[in-house]
Amino acid sequence: MDVVLAPRTGFSLQSPVIAASGTFGYGTEFASQNDLSGLGALVCKGTTRQPRAGNEPLRMAETAAGMLNAIGLQNIGVEAVVRDKAPVWSTWSVPILVNVSGVSIDEYVAVTALLDRVPGVAGIELNISCPNVKEGGVAFGTNPRMAAEVTRAVRATTALPLLVKLSPNVRDIQEVALAVEGAGADAISLINTVYGMAIDAGRRRPLLANGSGGLSGPAIKPLALYLVYQVAQAVSVPVVGLGGIMTAEDAIEFLLAGASAIAVATLLLVDPTAWRDLDKGIEAWCQREGVRRLQEVIGAANPQYKGRTGELPLTGS
């Protein structure tokens, strides 16, 4: 089930299942005990220009149907990624995309420039949920103009496949999706986490040290599915769907809504090998349903789906 995720660059995946940013580290933490061959792609931790220690603990909390996190983009910095991680990635068969984060367009561009043409780096996922310090802390992804500006600047910096990851915390996600598509995104991934919090009743204080955090897991699946459905009606570039995917049936729903591939996050915190079960489950479902090519499924439940399934993004069976 090959997936051509970025038609302009010919970037393809051997599986529609991707390990999402933030829950699989750099992959190196799991590779010795978890054969990654067969995984569609791995998106590494959010990467900034300088190393970041992240927020103070408590940074994660379990909820009734998911989890909250306020990690604060803890990472080793782009230079360490290029020096220490990329040489290892270059020996793997699974493509690695680097999730690029920043607080200004200049930082996004600087990080991307250092990753461009580095062996082992197969693509960029642009995290536009970050606060733009020059715009008073407003997240890039909440404003179509700012989302387009940062996408356009990064697009001009690299020929690598460029995915742009959208936040659900917006007024009109179709408007943002169209803006980044017009600015040069090869594909769009969504959704990032939803704002949320928990209160420690005993202390009468927020449970997370940061106060609030990002909600992920099964609780956000209906919202994520709806937004993928909406974006797939607006853009013609491939869409990667994520948000609460825990089973193969969940994954199939996202594909039917118009996602060309799916990414898993919280599930991998439960079981780092669970992506294999998803991949096998999707294939088993296709066999039961008589589906010979995955492109027959993409957008099948979305009458207004705009993807180019006749040609791309999917080929193979």
C-alpha atoms as a PDB file:
ATOM      1  CA  MET A   1       0.000   0.000   0.000  1.00  0.00           C
ATOM      2  CA  ASP A   2       2.380   2.697  -1.224  1.00  0.00           C
ATOM      3  CA  VAL A   3       1.454   6.319  -0.534  1.00  0.00           C
ATOM      4  CA  VAL A   4       2.761   9.207  -2.633  1.00  0.00           C
ATOM      5  CA  LEU A   5       2.482  11.898  -0.012  1.00  0.00           C
ATOM      6  CA  ALA A   6       4.154  14.778  -1.847  1.00  0.00           C
ATOM      7  CA  PRO A   7       3.502  14.527  -5.594  1.00  0.00           C
ATOM      8  CA  ARG A   8       5.708  17.511  -6.449  1.00  0.00           C
ATOM      9  CA  THR A   9       8.777  15.842  -4.952  1.00  0.00           C
ATOM     10  CA  GLY A  10       7.776  12.221  -5.483  1.00  0.00           C
ATOM     11  CA  PHE A  11       7.998  11.589  -1.744  1.00  0.00           C
ATOM     12  CA  SER A  12       6.336   8.239  -1.032  1.00  0.00           C
ATOM     13  CA  LEU A  13       5.633   5.994   1.943  1.00  0.00           C
ATOM     14  CA  GLN A  14       5.536   2.211   2.017  1.00  0.00           C
ATOM     15  CA  SER A  15       2.656   2.310   4.512  1.00  0.00           C
ATOM     16  CA  PRO A  16      -0.119   4.829   5.249  1.00  0.00           C
ATOM     17  CA  VAL A  17       0.819   4.716   8.963  1.00  0.00           C
ATOM     18  CA  ILE A  18       3.102   7.452  10.324  1.00  0.00           C
ATOM     19  CA  ALA A  19       4.541   7.896  13.825  1.00  0.00           C
ATOM     20  CA  ALA A  20       3.514  11.419  14.794  1.00  0.00           C
ATOM     21  CA  SER A  21       5.789  14.003  16.322  1.00  0.00           C
ATOM     22  CA  GLY A  22       6.299  14.057  20.066  1.00  0.00           C
ATOM     23  CA  THR A  23       5.540  10.486  21.098  1.00  0.00           C
ATOM     24  CA  PHE A  24       8.281   8.529  19.354  1.00  0.00           C
ATOM     25  CA  GLY A  25      11.208  10.752  20.221  1.00  0.00           C
ATOM     26  CA  TYR A  26      13.858  10.633  17.524  1.00  0.00           C
ATOM     27  CA  GLY A  27      13.171   6.978  16.795  1.00  0.00           C
ATOM     28  CA  THR A  28      16.609   6.071  18.103  1.00  0.00           C
ATOM     29  CA  GLU A  29      15.108   5.436  21.543  1.00  0.00           C
ATOM     30  CA  PHE A  30      13.078   2.532  20.124  1.00  0.00           C
ATOM     31  CA  ALA A  31      14.977   1.255  17.092  1.00  0.00           C
ATOM     32  CA  SER A  32      17.104  -1.272  18.979  1.00  0.00           C
ATOM     33  CA  GLN A  33      14.030  -3.060  20.353  1.00  0.00           C
ATOM     34  CA  ASN A  34      11.441  -2.164  17.720  1.00  0.00           C
ATOM     35  CA  ASP A  35      12.088  -2.969  14.068  1.00  0.00           C
ATOM     36  CA  LEU A  36      10.877   0.151  12.278  1.00  0.00           C
ATOM     37  CA  SER A  37      10.922  -1.357   8.787  1.00  0.00           C
ATOM     38  CA  GLY A  38       7.447  -1.159   7.340  1.00  0.00           C
ATOM     39  CA  LEU A  39       6.531   2.074   9.107  1.00  0.00           C
ATOM     40  CA  GLY A  40       5.387   4.683   6.599  1.00  0.00           C
ATOM     41  CA  ALA A  41       7.395   7.514   8.130  1.00  0.00           C
ATOM     42  CA  LEU A  42       8.515   8.862  11.472  1.00  0.00           C
ATOM     43  CA  VAL A  43       8.165  12.504  12.452  1.00  0.00           C
ATOM     44  CA  CYS A  44      10.718  13.368  15.122  1.00  0.00           C
ATOM     45  CA  LYS A  45      10.291  15.655  18.134  1.00  0.00           C
ATOM     46  CA  GLY A  46       9.632  19.332  17.536  1.00  0.00           C
ATOM     47  CA  THR A  47      13.001  20.918  16.738  1.00  0.00           C
ATOM     48  CA  THR A  48      14.059  24.507  17.398  1.00  0.00           C
ATOM     49  CA  ARG A  49      17.159  26.569  16.614  1.00  0.00           C
ATOM     50  CA  GLN A  50      18.590  26.217  20.124  1.00  0.00           C
ATOM     51  CA  PRO A  51      18.129  23.358  22.612  1.00  0.00           C
ATOM     52  CA  ARG A  52      15.168  23.781  24.942  1.00  0.00           C
ATOM     53  CA  ALA A  53      14.666  22.328  28.409  1.00  0.00           C
ATOM     54  CA  GLY A  54      10.889  22.526  28.156  1.00  0.00           C
ATOM     55  CA  ASN A  55       8.383  23.368  30.863  1.00  0.00           C
ATOM     56  CA  GLU A  56       8.700  22.570  34.531  1.00  0.00           C
ATOM     57  CA  PRO A  57       6.978  19.381  35.768  1.00  0.00           C
ATOM     58  CA  LEU A  58       4.246  18.277  36.062  1.00  0.00           C
ATOM     59  CA  ARG A  59       4.086  18.190  32.246  1.00  0.00           C
ATOM     60  CA  MET A  60       1.765  15.268  31.501  1.00  0.00           C
ATOM     61  CA  ALA A  61      -1.508  14.073  32.979  1.00  0.00           C
ATOM     62  CA  GLU A  62      -3.891  11.267  32.082  1.00  0.00           C
ATOM     63  CA  THR A  63      -7.523  12.177  31.414  1.00  0.00           C
ATOM     64  CA  ALA A  64     -10.673  10.051  31.183  1.00  0.00           C
ATOM     65  CA  ALA A  65     -10.236   9.543  27.435  1.00  0.00           C
ATOM     66  CA  GLY A  66      -6.758  10.709  26.628  1.00  0.00           C
ATOM     67  CA  MET A  67      -3.973  12.809  28.051  1.00  0.00           C
ATOM     68  CA  LEU A  68      -2.820  16.373  28.561  1.00  0.00           C
ATOM     69  CA  ASN A  69       0.722  17.466  27.845  1.00  0.00           C
ATOM     70  CA  ALA A  70       2.641  20.698  28.236  1.00  0.00           C
ATOM     71  CA  ILE A  71       6.139  19.536  27.383  1.00  0.00           C
ATOM     72  CA  GLY A  72       7.217  22.928  26.096  1.00  0.00           C
ATOM     73  CA  LEU A  73       9.107  21.756  23.008  1.00  0.00           C
ATOM     74  CA  GLN A  74      11.922  20.112  24.949  1.00  0.00           C
ATOM     75  CA  ASN A  75      14.517  19.170  22.338  1.00  0.00           C
ATOM     76  CA  ILE A  76      18.241  18.950  21.655  1.00  0.00           C
ATOM     77  CA  GLY A  77      18.309  21.707  19.030  1.00  0.00           C
ATOM     78  CA  VAL A  78      18.756  21.462  15.278  1.00  0.00           C
ATOM     79  CA  GLU A  79      22.561  21.312  15.276  1.00  0.00           C
ATOM     80  CA  ALA A  80      22.533  18.226  17.512  1.00  0.00           C
ATOM     81  CA  VAL A  81      19.851  16.677  15.306  1.00  0.00           C
ATOM     82  CA  VAL A  82      22.055  17.151  12.243  1.00  0.00           C
ATOM     83  CA  ARG A  83      25.195  15.970  14.031  1.00  0.00           C
ATOM     84  CA  ASP A  84      23.900  13.068  16.133  1.00  0.00           C
ATOM     85  CA  LYS A  85      20.574  11.868  14.763  1.00  0.00           C
ATOM     86  CA  ALA A  86      20.612  12.341  10.999  1.00  0.00           C
ATOM     87  CA  PRO A  87      23.628  10.040  10.408  1.00  0.00           C
ATOM     88  CA  VAL A  88      21.711   7.243  12.155  1.00  0.00           C
ATOM     89  CA  TRP A  89      18.524   7.994  10.197  1.00  0.00           C
ATOM     90  CA  SER A  90      20.447   7.821   6.931  1.00  0.00           C
ATOM     91  CA  THR A  91      20.997   4.096   7.532  1.00  0.00           C
ATOM     92  CA  TRP A  92      17.278   3.363   8.037  1.00  0.00           C
ATOM     93  CA  SER A  93      14.698   2.399   5.434  1.00  0.00           C
ATOM     94  CA  VAL A  94      11.948   4.440   7.103  1.00  0.00           C
ATOM     95  CA  PRO A  95      11.875   8.117   6.032  1.00  0.00           C
ATOM     96  CA  ILE A  96      12.310  10.674   8.821  1.00  0.00           C
ATOM     97  CA  LEU A  97      10.575  14.021   8.775  1.00  0.00           C
ATOM     98  CA  VAL A  98      11.726  16.713  11.186  1.00  0.00           C
ATOM     99  CA  ASN A  99       9.028  18.685  12.957  1.00  0.00           C
ATOM    100  CA  VAL A 100      10.268  22.272  12.783  1.00  0.00           C
ATOM    101  CA  SER A 101       9.129  24.760  15.412  1.00  0.00           C
ATOM    102  CA  GLY A 102       9.931  28.385  16.126  1.00  0.00           C
ATOM    103  CA  VAL A 103       8.818  31.690  17.569  1.00  0.00           C
ATOM    104  CA  SER A 104       9.588  33.750  14.461  1.00  0.00           C
ATOM    105  CA  ILE A 105       9.760  33.241  10.722  1.00  0.00           C
ATOM    106  CA  ASP A 106      13.517  33.756  10.938  1.00  0.00           C
ATOM    107  CA  GLU A 107      13.815  30.812  13.341  1.00  0.00           C
ATOM    108  CA  TYR A 108      11.729  28.528  11.120  1.00  0.00           C
ATOM    109  CA  VAL A 109      13.893  29.465   8.149  1.00  0.00           C
ATOM    110  CA  ALA A 110      17.163  29.029  10.069  1.00  0.00           C
ATOM    111  CA  VAL A 111      16.204  25.560  11.319  1.00  0.00           C
ATOM    112  CA  THR A 112      15.026  24.477   7.876  1.00  0.00           C
ATOM    113  CA  ALA A 113      18.196  25.781   6.200  1.00  0.00           C
ATOM    114  CA  LEU A 114      20.343  23.651   8.503  1.00  0.00           C
ATOM    115  CA  LEU A 115      18.258  20.560   7.690  1.00  0.00           C
ATOM    116  CA  ASP A 116      18.198  21.090   3.935  1.00  0.00           C
ATOM    117  CA  ARG A 117      20.171  18.476   1.962  1.00  0.00           C
ATOM    118  CA  VAL A 118      21.175  16.615   5.135  1.00  0.00           C
ATOM    119  CA  PRO A 119      21.333  12.848   4.494  1.00  0.00           C
ATOM    120  CA  GLY A 120      18.781  11.122   6.680  1.00  0.00           C
ATOM    121  CA  VAL A 121      16.297  14.006   6.635  1.00  0.00           C
ATOM    122  CA  ALA A 122      13.532  13.085   4.209  1.00  0.00           C
ATOM    123  CA  GLY A 123      11.192  16.005   4.772  1.00  0.00           C
ATOM    124  CA  ILE A 124       9.907  18.814   6.970  1.00  0.00           C
ATOM    125  CA  GLU A 125       6.734  18.990   9.046  1.00  0.00           C
ATOM    126  CA  LEU A 126       6.066  22.618   9.883  1.00  0.00           C
ATOM    127  CA  ASN A 127       4.507  23.100  13.323  1.00  0.00           C
ATOM    128  CA  ILE A 128       2.578  26.357  13.003  1.00  0.00           C
ATOM    129  CA  SER A 129       0.894  26.030  16.403  1.00  0.00           C
ATOM    130  CA  CYS A 130       3.863  27.901  17.892  1.00  0.00           C
ATOM    131  CA  PRO A 131       3.486  31.469  19.228  1.00  0.00           C
ATOM    132  CA  ASN A 132       4.731  34.277  17.004  1.00  0.00           C
ATOM    133  CA  VAL A 133       6.571  36.558  19.419  1.00  0.00           C
ATOM    134  CA  LYS A 134       6.512  39.430  16.926  1.00  0.00           C
ATOM    135  CA  GLU A 135       2.701  39.252  16.792  1.00  0.00           C
ATOM    136  CA  GLY A 136       2.165  39.317  20.544  1.00  0.00           C
ATOM    137  CA  GLY A 137       2.293  35.547  21.024  1.00  0.00           C
ATOM    138  CA  VAL A 138      -0.476  34.704  18.568  1.00  0.00           C
ATOM    139  CA  ALA A 139       0.085  31.237  17.117  1.00  0.00           C
ATOM    140  CA  PHE A 140       1.113  31.265  13.453  1.00  0.00           C
ATOM    141  CA  GLY A 141      -1.558  28.705  12.622  1.00  0.00           C
ATOM    142  CA  THR A 142      -4.494  30.731  13.947  1.00  0.00           C
ATOM    143  CA  ASN A 143      -4.107  33.423  11.281  1.00  0.00           C
ATOM    144  CA  PRO A 144      -4.244  32.505   7.558  1.00  0.00           C
ATOM    145  CA  ARG A 145      -1.920  35.369   6.610  1.00  0.00           C
ATOM    146  CA  MET A 146       0.742  34.394   9.160  1.00  0.00           C
ATOM    147  CA  ALA A 147       0.345  30.710   8.300  1.00  0.00           C
ATOM    148  CA  ALA A 148       0.959  31.504   4.631  1.00  0.00           C
ATOM    149  CA  GLU A 149       3.933  33.747   5.397  1.00  0.00           C
ATOM    150  CA  VAL A 150       5.833  31.159   7.396  1.00  0.00           C
ATOM    151  CA  THR A 151       4.979  28.411   4.909  1.00  0.00           C
ATOM    152  CA  ARG A 152       6.133  30.531   1.981  1.00  0.00           C
ATOM    153  CA  ALA A 153       9.396  31.424   3.723  1.00  0.00           C
ATOM    154  CA  VAL A 154      10.190  27.791   4.510  1.00  0.00           C
ATOM    155  CA  ARG A 155       9.166  26.675   1.027  1.00  0.00           C
ATOM    156  CA  ALA A 156      11.702  29.121  -0.426  1.00  0.00           C
ATOM    157  CA  THR A 157      14.393  27.671   1.843  1.00  0.00           C
ATOM    158  CA  THR A 158      14.186  24.000   0.909  1.00  0.00           C
ATOM    159  CA  ALA A 159      13.204  21.609  -1.843  1.00  0.00           C
ATOM    160  CA  LEU A 160      12.429  18.921   0.743  1.00  0.00           C
ATOM    161  CA  PRO A 161       8.840  17.663   0.954  1.00  0.00           C
ATOM    162  CA  LEU A 162       6.935  20.114   3.152  1.00  0.00           C
ATOM    163  CA  LEU A 163       4.016  19.107   5.359  1.00  0.00           C
ATOM    164  CA  VAL A 164       2.266  21.800   7.359  1.00  0.00           C
ATOM    165  CA  LYS A 165       0.615  20.730  10.621  1.00  0.00           C
ATOM    166  CA  LEU A 166      -2.568  22.613  11.459  1.00  0.00           C
ATOM    167  CA  SER A 167      -4.006  23.526  14.846  1.00  0.00           C
ATOM    168  CA  PRO A 168      -7.675  22.812  15.589  1.00  0.00           C
ATOM    169  CA  ASN A 169      -7.851  25.964  17.707  1.00  0.00           C
ATOM    170  CA  VAL A 170      -8.979  28.208  14.841  1.00  0.00           C
ATOM    171  CA  ARG A 171     -12.132  29.874  13.569  1.00  0.00           C
ATOM    172  CA  ASP A 172     -12.004  28.500  10.008  1.00  0.00           C
ATOM    173  CA  ILE A 173      -9.604  25.623   9.379  1.00  0.00           C
ATOM    174  CA  GLN A 174     -10.419  25.508   5.661  1.00  0.00           C
ATOM    175  CA  GLU A 175      -9.192  29.084   5.299  1.00  0.00           C
ATOM    176  CA  VAL A 176      -5.900  28.244   6.988  1.00  0.00           C
ATOM    177  CA  ALA A 177      -5.503  25.054   4.932  1.00  0.00           C
ATOM    178  CA  LEU A 178      -6.050  26.922   1.667  1.00  0.00           C
ATOM    179  CA  ALA A 179      -3.554  29.575   2.752  1.00  0.00           C
ATOM    180  CA  VAL A 180      -0.735  27.093   3.363  1.00  0.00           C
ATOM    181  CA  GLU A 181      -1.574  25.127   0.216  1.00  0.00           C
ATOM    182  CA  GLY A 182      -1.289  28.338  -1.778  1.00  0.00           C
ATOM    183  CA  ALA A 183       2.016  29.125  -0.089  1.00  0.00           C
ATOM    184  CA  GLY A 184       3.614  25.879  -1.223  1.00  0.00           C
ATOM    185  CA  ALA A 185       2.739  23.093   1.206  1.00  0.00           C
ATOM    186  CA  ASP A 186       3.114  19.646  -0.370  1.00  0.00           C
ATOM    187  CA  ALA A 187       0.734  18.110   2.162  1.00  0.00           C
ATOM    188  CA  ILE A 188      -1.220  19.091   5.247  1.00  0.00           C
ATOM    189  CA  SER A 189      -1.329  17.198   8.540  1.00  0.00           C
ATOM    190  CA  LEU A 190      -4.023  17.732  11.161  1.00  0.00           C
ATOM    191  CA  ILE A 191      -4.839  18.015  13.909  1.00  0.00           C
ATOM    192  CA  ASN A 192      -2.470  19.178  16.581  1.00  0.00           C
ATOM    193  CA  THR A 193      -3.676  19.011  20.185  1.00  0.00           C
ATOM    194  CA  VAL A 194      -6.726  20.820  21.562  1.00  0.00           C
ATOM    195  CA  TYR A 195      -6.438  23.289  24.430  1.00  0.00           C
ATOM    196  CA  GLY A 196      -7.317  21.740  27.779  1.00  0.00           C
ATOM    197  CA  MET A 197      -6.520  21.634  31.474  1.00  0.00           C
ATOM    198  CA  ALA A 198      -7.060  19.724  34.703  1.00  0.00           C
ATOM    199  CA  ILE A 199      -7.423  20.978  38.258  1.00  0.00           C
ATOM    200  CA  ASP A 200      -5.859  19.426  41.339  1.00  0.00           C
ATOM    201  CA  ALA A 201      -8.779  19.717  43.769  1.00  0.00           C
ATOM    202  CA  GLY A 202      -6.581  19.004  46.768  1.00  0.00           C
ATOM    203  CA  ARG A 203      -4.156  21.837  46.000  1.00  0.00           C
ATOM    204  CA  ARG A 204      -6.824  24.002  44.370  1.00  0.00           C
ATOM    205  CA  ARG A 205      -4.408  24.663  41.530  1.00  0.00           C
ATOM    206  CA  PRO A 206      -4.030  23.577  37.909  1.00  0.00           C
ATOM    207  CA  LEU A 207      -2.538  20.099  37.740  1.00  0.00           C
ATOM    208  CA  LEU A 208       0.003  20.966  35.040  1.00  0.00           C
ATOM    209  CA  ALA A 209       2.760  23.383  36.025  1.00  0.00           C
ATOM    210  CA  ASN A 210       2.097  25.305  32.827  1.00  0.00           C
ATOM    211  CA  GLY A 211      -1.561  25.688  33.788  1.00  0.00           C
ATOM    212  CA  SER A 212      -2.982  24.410  30.536  1.00  0.00           C
ATOM    213  CA  GLY A 213      -1.824  21.875  27.975  1.00  0.00           C
ATOM    214  CA  GLY A 214      -2.696  20.044  24.803  1.00  0.00           C
ATOM    215  CA  LEU A 215      -5.376  17.363  24.909  1.00  0.00           C
ATOM    216  CA  SER A 216      -4.801  14.269  22.764  1.00  0.00           C
ATOM    217  CA  GLY A 217      -6.104  10.716  22.583  1.00  0.00           C
ATOM    218  CA  PRO A 218      -9.547   9.223  21.892  1.00  0.00           C
ATOM    219  CA  ALA A 219     -11.330  12.261  23.358  1.00  0.00           C
ATOM    220  CA  ILE A 220     -10.414  14.397  20.340  1.00  0.00           C
ATOM    221  CA  LYS A 221     -11.064  11.844  17.599  1.00  0.00           C
ATOM    222  CA  PRO A 222     -14.552  13.115  16.583  1.00  0.00           C
ATOM    223  CA  LEU A 223     -13.229  16.677  16.271  1.00  0.00           C
ATOM    224  CA  ALA A 224     -10.123  15.557  14.381  1.00  0.00           C
ATOM    225  CA  LEU A 225     -12.193  13.447  12.002  1.00  0.00           C
ATOM    226  CA  TYR A 226     -14.555  16.346  11.312  1.00  0.00           C
ATOM    227  CA  LEU A 227     -11.706  18.778  10.604  1.00  0.00           C
ATOM    228  CA  VAL A 228      -9.936  16.302   8.301  1.00  0.00           C
ATOM    229  CA  TYR A 229     -13.256  15.892   6.478  1.00  0.00           C
ATOM    230  CA  GLN A 230     -13.536  19.667   6.106  1.00  0.00           C
ATOM    231  CA  VAL A 231      -9.956  20.240   4.946  1.00  0.00           C
ATOM    232  CA  ALA A 232     -10.171  17.386   2.429  1.00  0.00           C
ATOM    233  CA  GLN A 233     -13.070  19.279   0.836  1.00  0.00           C
ATOM    234  CA  ALA A 234     -10.995  22.450   0.471  1.00  0.00           C
ATOM    235  CA  VAL A 235      -7.501  21.436  -0.702  1.00  0.00           C
ATOM    236  CA  SER A 236      -6.167  19.140  -3.391  1.00  0.00           C
ATOM    237  CA  VAL A 237      -2.822  18.343  -1.733  1.00  0.00           C
ATOM    238  CA  PRO A 238      -2.688  15.148   0.340  1.00  0.00           C
ATOM    239  CA  VAL A 239      -3.948  15.258   3.922  1.00  0.00           C
ATOM    240  CA  VAL A 240      -2.492  13.322   6.849  1.00  0.00           C
ATOM    241  CA  GLY A 241      -5.103  12.707   9.541  1.00  0.00           C
ATOM    242  CA  LEU A 242      -4.336  12.312  13.221  1.00  0.00           C
ATOM    243  CA  GLY A 243      -6.072  12.718  16.528  1.00  0.00           C
ATOM    244  CA  GLY A 244      -7.204   9.879  18.759  1.00  0.00           C
ATOM    245  CA  ILE A 245      -6.478   7.025  16.366  1.00  0.00           C
ATOM    246  CA  MET A 246      -6.249   3.890  18.508  1.00  0.00           C
ATOM    247  CA  THR A 247      -7.501   1.099  16.214  1.00  0.00           C
ATOM    248  CA  ALA A 248      -7.457   0.122  12.562  1.00  0.00           C
ATOM    249  CA  GLU A 249     -11.146   1.019  12.405  1.00  0.00           C
ATOM    250  CA  ASP A 250     -10.292   4.541  13.569  1.00  0.00           C
ATOM    251  CA  ALA A 251      -7.669   4.763  10.839  1.00  0.00           C
ATOM    252  CA  ILE A 252     -10.116   3.605   8.177  1.00  0.00           C
ATOM    253  CA  GLU A 253     -12.547   6.352   9.228  1.00  0.00           C
ATOM    254  CA  PHE A 254      -9.879   8.980   8.623  1.00  0.00           C
ATOM    255  CA  LEU A 255      -9.028   7.510   5.222  1.00  0.00           C
ATOM    256  CA  LEU A 256     -12.711   7.491   4.253  1.00  0.00           C
ATOM    257  CA  ALA A 257     -12.969  11.120   5.364  1.00  0.00           C
ATOM    258  CA  GLY A 258     -10.225  12.095   2.920  1.00  0.00           C
ATOM    259  CA  ALA A 259      -6.879  11.464   4.622  1.00  0.00           C
ATOM    260  CA  SER A 260      -4.244   9.935   2.353  1.00  0.00           C
ATOM    261  CA  ALA A 261      -2.319   8.673   5.372  1.00  0.00           C
ATOM    262  CA  ILE A 262      -2.769   8.629   9.132  1.00  0.00           C
ATOM    263  CA  ALA A 263      -0.447   9.428  12.028  1.00  0.00           C
ATOM    264  CA  VAL A 264      -0.550   8.009  15.535  1.00  0.00           C
ATOM    265  CA  ALA A 265       0.675   9.678  18.690  1.00  0.00           C
ATOM    266  CA  THR A 266      -0.897   8.876  22.065  1.00  0.00           C
ATOM    267  CA  LEU A 267      -1.272   5.218  21.065  1.00  0.00           C
ATOM    268  CA  LEU A 268       2.507   4.926  20.789  1.00  0.00           C
ATOM    269  CA  LEU A 269       2.892   5.996  24.413  1.00  0.00           C
ATOM    270  CA  VAL A 270       0.768   2.980  25.319  1.00  0.00           C
ATOM    271  CA  ASP A 271       2.542   0.582  22.961  1.00  0.00           C
ATOM    272  CA  PRO A 272       5.457   1.730  20.726  1.00  0.00           C
ATOM    273  CA  THR A 273       4.870  -1.276  18.435  1.00  0.00           C
ATOM    274  CA  ALA A 274       1.131  -0.632  17.944  1.00  0.00           C
ATOM    275  CA  TRP A 275       1.685   0.946  14.521  1.00  0.00           C
ATOM    276  CA  ARG A 276       2.249  -2.574  13.162  1.00  0.00           C
ATOM    277  CA  ASP A 277      -1.222  -3.652  14.295  1.00  0.00           C
ATOM    278  CA  LEU A 278      -2.724  -0.591  12.597  1.00  0.00           C
ATOM    279  CA  ASP A 279      -0.926  -1.348   9.349  1.00  0.00           C
ATOM    280  CA  LYS A 280      -2.013  -4.999   9.409  1.00  0.00           C
ATOM    281  CA  GLY A 281      -5.540  -3.995  10.401  1.00  0.00           C
ATOM    282  CA  ILE A 282      -5.892  -1.583   7.480  1.00  0.00           C
ATOM    283  CA  GLU A 283      -4.663  -4.262   5.085  1.00  0.00           C
ATOM    284  CA  ALA A 284      -7.041  -6.856   6.580  1.00  0.00           C
ATOM    285  CA  TRP A 285      -9.982  -4.466   6.264  1.00  0.00           C
ATOM    286  CA  CYS A 286      -9.149  -3.837   2.624  1.00  0.00           C
ATOM    287  CA  GLN A 287      -9.012  -7.563   1.941  1.00  0.00           C
ATOM    288  CA  ARG A 288     -12.375  -8.149   3.643  1.00  0.00           C
ATOM    289  CA  GLU A 289     -13.960  -5.296   1.700  1.00  0.00           C
ATOM    290  CA  GLY A 290     -12.482  -6.342  -1.632  1.00  0.00           C
ATOM    291  CA  VAL A 291     -10.403  -3.154  -1.866  1.00  0.00           C
ATOM    292  CA  ARG A 292      -7.501  -3.729  -4.228  1.00  0.00           C
ATOM    293  CA  ARG A 293      -5.952  -0.261  -4.074  1.00  0.00           C
ATOM    294  CA  LEU A 294      -6.027   2.001  -1.055  1.00  0.00           C
ATOM    295  CA  GLN A 295      -6.926   4.976  -3.237  1.00  0.00           C
ATOM    296  CA  GLU A 296     -10.378   3.438  -3.634  1.00  0.00           C
ATOM    297  CA  VAL A 297     -10.968   4.204   0.047  1.00  0.00           C
ATOM    298  CA  ILE A 298      -9.582   7.738   0.281  1.00  0.00           C
ATOM    299  CA  GLY A 299     -12.422  10.228   0.568  1.00  0.00           C
ATOM    300  CA  ALA A 300     -15.060   7.593  -0.232  1.00  0.00           C
ATOM    301  CA  ALA A 301     -17.270   8.910   2.583  1.00  0.00           C
ATOM    302  CA  ASN A 302     -16.733  12.542   1.593  1.00  0.00           C
ATOM    303  CA  PRO A 303     -18.807  13.586  -1.456  1.00  0.00           C
ATOM    304  CA  GLN A 304     -16.896  16.863  -1.803  1.00  0.00           C
ATOM    305  CA  TYR A 305     -13.417  15.357  -1.479  1.00  0.00           C
ATOM    306  CA  LYS A 306     -10.989  17.291  -3.680  1.00  0.00           C
ATOM    307  CA  GLY A 307      -7.935  15.016  -3.614  1.00  0.00           C
ATOM    308  CA  ARG A 308      -6.411  13.795  -6.833  1.00  0.00           C
ATOM    309  CA  THR A 309      -7.082  10.116  -6.264  1.00  0.00           C
ATOM    310  CA  GLY A 310      -7.336   9.508 -10.007  1.00  0.00           C
ATOM    311  CA  GLU A 311      -3.619  10.210 -10.385  1.00  0.00           C
ATOM    312  CA  LEU A 312      -2.120  10.848  -6.966  1.00  0.00           C
ATOM    313  CA  PRO A 313      -1.558  10.760  -4.050  1.00  0.00           C
ATOM    314  CA  LEU A 314      -1.900   6.972  -3.855  1.00  0.00           C
ATOM    315  CA  THR A 315      -0.544   4.198  -5.997  1.00  0.00           C
ATOM    316  CA  GLY A 316      -0.002   0.503  -5.475  1.00  0.00           C
ATOM    317  CA  SER A 317      -2.132  -2.035  -3.699  1.00  0.00           C
END
